Amino acid sequence: MHSVIILGSGPAGLTAAIYAARADLAPLLIHGPQPGGQLTLTSDVENWPGYEHGILGSELMEVMKKQAARFGTTYKEGWVTAVDLTHDPKKITMESGEVLEARAIIIATGASAMWLNVPGEKELQGKGVSACATCDGFFFRDKHVVVIGGGDAAMEEATFLTKFASQVTVIHRRGELRASKIMQQKALSNPKISFEWNAEVLEVLGKDVGHVTGVRIRNNQTNQEKVVETDGYFAAIGHKPNTEMFKDQLETDVKGYLKIAEPFSTKTAIPGVFAAGDVADHMYRQAVTAAGTGCMAAMDAERWLETQQA
């Protein structure tokens, strides 16, 4: 039986592993479907403290993984299909059927980009369809791209893409933006950004040629359809926390993020179960804040385990 099992290998999970390993807890970290988390989909990370000129997201995660391993973290590849958090010990069932037991669990499964699930969107992912401007914006230098959404994330993506693209068209299903005023002003005043208001995406075009060529949209006020020719399609409609397997055992908010039971902690309502990173953070969603809560989760777990031994 393990003292601590960590679910997720992004900044939260790996930081938790570093701290738990240094506390001599010999943590086991399960990578999950996307080893390294969302940062592995990012090119340069320029806001991570200590790297003046930035660092590749995948490189940062690999360095953190090696650091955690040096202190005694072990790793396991594979999918978790079921969890039992309500009994002691906690049980983790892998896709292979293997059952792992732990006294404490740190959930750092993160969040995933949301999609519209319209025809062509899935088929053209990586061929002009993206959910990460910082990852893929470079490939659209001097080209026309569209951004789907009207919140802060969409405005941030659109503004970032103007560094590369010749034109950015924001497609939004409402007649006004939901973004904060400062983000609205930034986007609305940018001469490279235009808007398609009250517009819903019906299809991403280009499957026949193997790359994005346009987006078919419909005005939800007039029902008129049109094609916006574009080289790139960026979905910026939000993220969904990866909490499905925990919902029957842990409380979530209306958006599905895990609820923290005590202020200034990572404790959930179940003793010995802790949550760190984007799986419980719908506000900041930054790598550095995820790492901070990973540190907190490991320390919370260490202290909780000490009380069980007393």
Protein backbone atom coordinates (compact mmCIF):
# COMPACT_ATOMS: atom_id res chain seq x y z
CA MET A 1 0.00 0.00 0.00
CA HIS A 2 1.19 3.50 -0.86
CA SER A 3 1.23 6.43 1.53
CA VAL A 4 0.24 8.85 -1.24
CA ILE A 5 -0.98 8.40 -4.80
CA ILE A 6 -1.05 11.48 -7.02
CA LEU A 7 -3.41 11.55 -10.00
CA GLY A 8 -2.11 13.84 -12.73
CA SER A 9 1.30 14.95 -13.95
CA GLY A 10 0.93 18.65 -14.73
CA PRO A 11 2.48 21.43 -12.62
CA ALA A 12 0.18 20.64 -9.67
CA GLY A 13 0.81 16.91 -9.67
CA LEU A 14 4.56 17.15 -10.17
CA THR A 15 4.99 19.84 -7.53
CA ALA A 16 2.96 17.70 -5.12
CA ALA A 17 5.27 14.81 -6.00
CA ILE A 18 8.40 16.85 -5.29
CA TYR A 19 7.15 17.93 -1.87
CA ALA A 20 5.70 14.55 -0.93
CA ALA A 21 8.90 12.78 -1.95
CA ARG A 22 11.03 15.22 0.05
CA ALA A 23 8.77 14.43 3.02
CA ASP A 24 9.81 10.78 2.61
CA LEU A 25 6.31 9.67 1.58
CA ALA A 26 7.53 7.81 -1.53
CA PRO A 27 4.59 8.99 -3.67
CA LEU A 28 3.30 7.13 -6.71
CA LEU A 29 2.23 9.45 -9.54
CA ILE A 30 -0.14 8.21 -12.24
CA HIS A 31 0.32 10.12 -15.48
CA GLY A 32 -3.08 9.68 -17.07
CA PRO A 33 -3.98 10.32 -20.72
CA GLN A 34 -1.86 13.48 -21.13
CA PRO A 35 1.49 13.13 -19.36
CA GLY A 36 2.74 16.55 -18.36
CA GLY A 37 -0.70 18.16 -18.52
CA GLN A 38 -1.73 21.14 -20.61
CA LEU A 39 1.75 22.68 -20.60
CA THR A 40 2.95 19.95 -22.94
CA LEU A 41 0.64 21.50 -25.56
CA THR A 42 2.28 24.88 -25.08
CA SER A 43 5.35 26.21 -26.82
CA ASP A 44 7.19 28.82 -24.77
CA VAL A 45 6.19 29.37 -21.15
CA GLU A 46 7.30 32.93 -20.44
CA ASN A 47 5.61 33.55 -17.09
CA TRP A 48 7.24 30.78 -15.05
CA PRO A 49 9.48 32.41 -12.41
CA GLY A 50 13.20 31.92 -12.86
CA TYR A 51 13.30 31.61 -16.65
CA GLU A 52 14.10 35.07 -17.98
CA HIS A 53 13.78 34.04 -21.60
CA GLY A 54 11.07 31.44 -21.14
CA ILE A 55 11.14 27.65 -21.40
CA LEU A 56 9.31 25.12 -23.53
CA GLY A 57 6.29 23.71 -21.70
CA SER A 58 7.30 20.12 -22.45
CA GLU A 59 10.85 20.82 -21.26
CA LEU A 60 9.63 22.36 -18.00
CA MET A 61 7.46 19.32 -17.28
CA GLU A 62 10.32 16.93 -18.05
CA VAL A 63 12.65 18.84 -15.69
CA MET A 64 10.02 18.73 -12.93
CA LYS A 65 9.48 15.01 -13.51
CA LYS A 66 13.19 14.29 -13.14
CA GLN A 67 13.37 16.47 -10.03
CA ALA A 68 10.50 14.57 -8.38
CA ALA A 69 12.08 11.24 -9.34
CA ARG A 70 15.38 12.27 -7.77
CA PHE A 71 13.64 12.61 -4.40
CA GLY A 72 11.90 9.24 -4.64
CA THR A 73 8.73 9.63 -6.74
CA THR A 74 7.77 6.62 -8.85
CA TYR A 75 5.61 6.85 -11.96
CA LYS A 76 2.92 4.76 -13.55
CA GLU A 77 1.49 5.09 -17.06
CA GLY A 78 -2.13 4.30 -17.83
CA TRP A 79 -5.73 5.31 -17.37
CA VAL A 80 -7.64 5.31 -14.11
CA THR A 81 -11.11 3.88 -14.67
CA ALA A 82 -12.55 3.97 -11.14
CA VAL A 83 -11.80 5.30 -7.67
CA ASP A 84 -13.05 4.42 -4.20
CA LEU A 85 -12.28 7.37 -1.95
CA THR A 86 -14.75 6.68 0.83
CA HIS A 87 -12.99 3.69 2.40
CA ASP A 88 -9.63 3.28 4.04
CA PRO A 89 -7.41 2.53 2.24
CA LYS A 90 -8.49 4.43 -0.86
CA LYS A 91 -8.52 2.34 -4.02
CA ILE A 92 -7.56 3.25 -7.58
CA THR A 93 -8.55 0.88 -10.38
CA MET A 94 -6.48 1.01 -13.57
CA GLU A 95 -7.68 0.21 -17.08
CA SER A 96 -5.64 -3.01 -16.89
CA GLY A 97 -7.72 -4.11 -13.91
CA GLU A 98 -4.91 -3.53 -11.43
CA VAL A 99 -6.10 -2.07 -8.11
CA LEU A 100 -3.80 0.28 -6.22
CA GLU A 101 -4.26 1.23 -2.58
CA ALA A 102 -3.24 4.41 -0.78
CA ARG A 103 -3.82 6.06 2.53
CA ALA A 104 -4.01 9.52 0.91
CA ILE A 105 -4.90 10.70 -2.58
CA ILE A 106 -3.96 13.98 -4.27
CA ILE A 107 -6.21 14.75 -7.24
CA ALA A 108 -4.43 16.90 -9.83
CA THR A 109 -6.21 15.77 -12.98
CA GLY A 110 -6.51 19.30 -14.40
CA ALA A 111 -8.96 20.53 -16.99
CA SER A 112 -9.48 20.04 -20.73
CA ALA A 113 -10.41 22.46 -23.48
CA MET A 114 -14.07 22.48 -24.50
CA TRP A 115 -15.17 22.07 -28.12
CA LEU A 116 -18.33 22.83 -30.05
CA ASN A 117 -18.35 19.30 -31.55
CA VAL A 118 -19.45 20.54 -34.96
CA PRO A 119 -18.60 18.64 -38.14
CA GLY A 120 -14.97 19.01 -39.15
CA GLU A 121 -13.77 20.24 -35.75
CA LYS A 122 -12.44 16.93 -34.49
CA GLU A 123 -11.29 15.71 -37.87
CA LEU A 124 -9.15 18.81 -38.45
CA GLN A 125 -7.55 19.07 -35.02
CA GLY A 126 -3.85 19.60 -35.63
CA LYS A 127 -4.64 20.58 -39.22
CA GLY A 128 -5.74 24.13 -38.53
CA VAL A 129 -8.04 23.46 -35.57
CA SER A 130 -6.58 24.29 -32.17
CA ALA A 131 -7.55 25.28 -28.63
CA CYS A 132 -4.21 26.86 -27.78
CA ALA A 133 -3.06 30.07 -29.44
CA THR A 134 0.25 30.10 -27.62
CA CYS A 135 0.95 26.59 -28.88
CA ASP A 136 0.01 27.05 -32.51
CA GLY A 137 -0.18 30.77 -33.27
CA PHE A 138 3.29 30.79 -34.82
CA PHE A 139 2.10 28.53 -37.63
CA PHE A 140 -0.40 31.14 -38.83
CA ARG A 141 1.95 34.00 -39.59
CA ASP A 142 0.39 36.37 -42.15
CA LYS A 143 -2.75 34.23 -42.35
CA HIS A 144 -6.41 34.73 -41.43
CA VAL A 145 -7.69 32.89 -38.36
CA VAL A 146 -10.97 32.77 -36.44
CA VAL A 147 -11.45 32.60 -32.68
CA ILE A 148 -14.64 31.13 -31.24
CA GLY A 149 -15.93 32.70 -28.01
CA GLY A 150 -16.66 35.98 -26.27
CA GLY A 151 -15.09 35.72 -22.85
CA ASP A 152 -11.71 36.74 -21.46
CA ALA A 153 -10.06 33.61 -22.81
CA ALA A 154 -11.29 34.33 -26.34
CA MET A 155 -10.17 37.96 -26.23
CA GLU A 156 -6.79 36.93 -24.86
CA GLU A 157 -6.39 34.34 -27.62
CA ALA A 158 -7.50 36.78 -30.32
CA THR A 159 -5.14 39.50 -29.12
CA PHE A 160 -2.24 37.07 -28.88
CA LEU A 161 -2.87 35.79 -32.40
CA THR A 162 -2.54 39.28 -33.87
CA LYS A 163 1.20 38.93 -33.24
CA PHE A 164 1.26 36.44 -36.11
CA ALA A 165 -1.94 36.47 -38.14
CA SER A 166 -2.77 39.16 -40.68
CA GLN A 167 -6.42 39.11 -39.57
CA VAL A 168 -8.35 37.62 -36.65
CA THR A 169 -12.12 37.22 -36.77
CA VAL A 170 -13.92 36.60 -33.49
CA ILE A 171 -17.11 34.56 -33.90
CA HIS A 172 -19.48 35.04 -30.98
CA ARG A 173 -23.02 33.74 -30.56
CA ARG A 174 -24.17 36.87 -28.72
CA GLY A 175 -24.39 40.51 -29.71
CA GLU A 176 -21.95 41.64 -27.05
CA LEU A 177 -18.86 40.26 -25.38
CA ARG A 178 -18.80 38.59 -21.96
CA ALA A 179 -15.16 39.48 -21.40
CA SER A 180 -13.99 41.97 -18.78
CA LYS A 181 -14.03 45.61 -19.88
CA ILE A 182 -10.27 45.87 -20.17
CA MET A 183 -10.10 42.77 -22.36
CA GLN A 184 -12.99 44.02 -24.49
CA GLN A 185 -11.32 47.39 -25.03
CA LYS A 186 -8.06 45.72 -25.96
CA ALA A 187 -9.71 43.53 -28.59
CA LEU A 188 -12.18 46.08 -29.94
CA SER A 189 -9.44 48.66 -30.46
CA ASN A 190 -7.11 46.25 -32.26
CA PRO A 191 -7.26 46.96 -36.02
CA LYS A 192 -6.46 43.33 -36.83
CA ILE A 193 -9.51 41.98 -34.98
CA SER A 194 -12.99 41.92 -36.52
CA PHE A 195 -16.22 40.38 -35.21
CA GLU A 196 -19.06 38.19 -36.42
CA TRP A 197 -21.86 38.88 -33.93
CA ASN A 198 -24.82 36.61 -33.14
CA ALA A 199 -23.08 33.90 -35.13
CA GLU A 200 -23.08 30.16 -34.49
CA VAL A 201 -20.58 27.78 -36.05
CA LEU A 202 -22.20 25.04 -38.12
CA GLU A 203 -19.15 23.38 -39.65
CA VAL A 204 -15.40 23.65 -40.00
CA LEU A 205 -14.55 23.28 -43.67
CA GLY A 206 -11.53 21.62 -45.24
CA LYS A 207 -11.90 17.90 -44.56
CA ASP A 208 -11.68 17.20 -48.29
CA VAL A 209 -8.26 18.84 -48.58
CA GLY A 210 -6.90 17.90 -45.15
CA HIS A 211 -6.66 21.37 -43.61
CA VAL A 212 -8.95 24.19 -42.51
CA THR A 213 -10.22 26.36 -45.36
CA GLY A 214 -13.20 28.06 -43.77
CA VAL A 215 -16.01 28.08 -41.24
CA ARG A 216 -19.70 27.93 -42.08
CA ILE A 217 -21.73 30.08 -39.69
CA ARG A 218 -25.36 31.07 -39.19
CA ASN A 219 -26.66 34.34 -37.84
CA ASN A 220 -29.03 33.35 -35.03
CA GLN A 221 -31.06 36.55 -35.51
CA THR A 222 -31.66 36.31 -39.27
CA ASN A 223 -30.90 32.59 -39.87
CA GLN A 224 -28.69 33.59 -42.78
CA GLU A 225 -25.69 31.38 -43.41
CA LYS A 226 -22.30 32.37 -44.76
CA VAL A 227 -18.78 30.99 -45.09
CA VAL A 228 -15.87 32.77 -43.45
CA GLU A 229 -12.71 31.79 -45.27
CA THR A 230 -9.89 31.11 -42.83
CA ASP A 231 -6.67 29.19 -42.40
CA GLY A 232 -7.05 28.52 -38.69
CA TYR A 233 -9.79 27.83 -36.15
CA PHE A 234 -9.17 28.45 -32.43
CA ALA A 235 -11.78 27.31 -29.92
CA ALA A 236 -11.79 29.51 -26.82
CA ILE A 237 -15.07 28.63 -25.14
CA GLY A 238 -13.68 27.47 -21.85
CA HIS A 239 -12.30 24.45 -20.08
CA LYS A 240 -13.93 21.49 -18.40
CA PRO A 241 -12.40 20.11 -15.20
CA ASN A 242 -11.49 16.43 -15.37
CA THR A 243 -13.69 15.41 -12.45
CA GLU A 244 -16.18 12.94 -13.94
CA MET A 245 -14.93 9.91 -12.02
CA PHE A 246 -15.10 11.77 -8.69
CA LYS A 247 -18.58 13.31 -8.93
CA ASP A 248 -20.38 10.55 -7.07
CA GLN A 249 -17.98 10.83 -4.13
CA LEU A 250 -16.78 14.45 -4.03
CA GLU A 251 -18.77 17.66 -4.16
CA THR A 252 -18.32 19.91 -7.20
CA ASP A 253 -19.54 23.38 -8.11
CA VAL A 254 -21.97 24.05 -10.96
CA LYS A 255 -19.15 23.94 -13.51
CA GLY A 256 -17.80 20.65 -12.20
CA TYR A 257 -14.76 21.91 -10.32
CA LEU A 258 -13.96 20.10 -7.08
CA LYS A 259 -14.95 21.99 -3.95
CA ILE A 260 -12.39 22.67 -1.25
CA ALA A 261 -13.73 22.01 2.23
CA GLU A 262 -11.59 24.49 4.16
CA PRO A 263 -10.25 27.94 3.22
CA PHE A 264 -6.51 28.15 2.54
CA SER A 265 -6.16 24.40 2.13
CA THR A 266 -6.54 21.67 -0.47
CA LYS A 267 -8.72 19.42 1.68
CA THR A 268 -11.87 17.97 0.17
CA ALA A 269 -14.84 16.81 2.25
CA ILE A 270 -13.30 13.32 2.43
CA PRO A 271 -10.43 13.00 4.92
CA GLY A 272 -7.21 12.05 3.18
CA VAL A 273 -8.32 13.30 -0.25
CA PHE A 274 -6.83 16.55 -1.54
CA ALA A 275 -7.30 18.56 -4.73
CA ALA A 276 -4.71 20.72 -6.49
CA GLY A 277 -4.47 22.74 -9.69
CA ASP A 278 -7.05 23.37 -12.39
CA VAL A 279 -9.29 20.53 -11.21
CA ALA A 280 -10.35 22.85 -8.38
CA ASP A 281 -9.42 26.27 -9.79
CA HIS A 282 -11.85 27.97 -12.15
CA MET A 283 -10.43 31.45 -11.61
CA TYR A 284 -6.66 31.61 -12.08
CA ARG A 285 -5.81 28.47 -14.10
CA GLN A 286 -2.12 29.32 -14.32
CA ALA A 287 0.80 26.92 -14.16
CA VAL A 288 2.36 28.75 -11.24
CA THR A 289 -0.84 28.76 -9.17
CA ALA A 290 -1.34 25.07 -9.94
CA ALA A 291 2.18 24.40 -8.70
CA GLY A 292 1.46 26.38 -5.54
CA THR A 293 -1.59 24.30 -4.71
CA GLY A 294 0.40 21.15 -5.50
CA CYS A 295 2.84 22.17 -2.78
CA MET A 296 -0.07 22.83 -0.42
CA ALA A 297 -1.66 19.45 -1.19
CA ALA A 298 1.52 17.56 -0.41
CA MET A 299 1.95 19.41 2.88
CA ASP A 300 -1.71 18.90 3.76
CA ALA A 301 -1.38 15.19 2.99
CA GLU A 302 1.79 14.89 5.07
CA ARG A 303 0.15 16.54 8.07
CA TRP A 304 -2.98 14.43 7.72
CA LEU A 305 -0.96 11.22 7.58
CA GLU A 306 0.88 12.26 10.74
CA THR A 307 -2.43 12.61 12.60
CA GLN A 308 -3.40 9.08 11.53
CA GLN A 309 -0.25 7.69 13.07
CA ALA A 310 -0.71 9.45 16.39
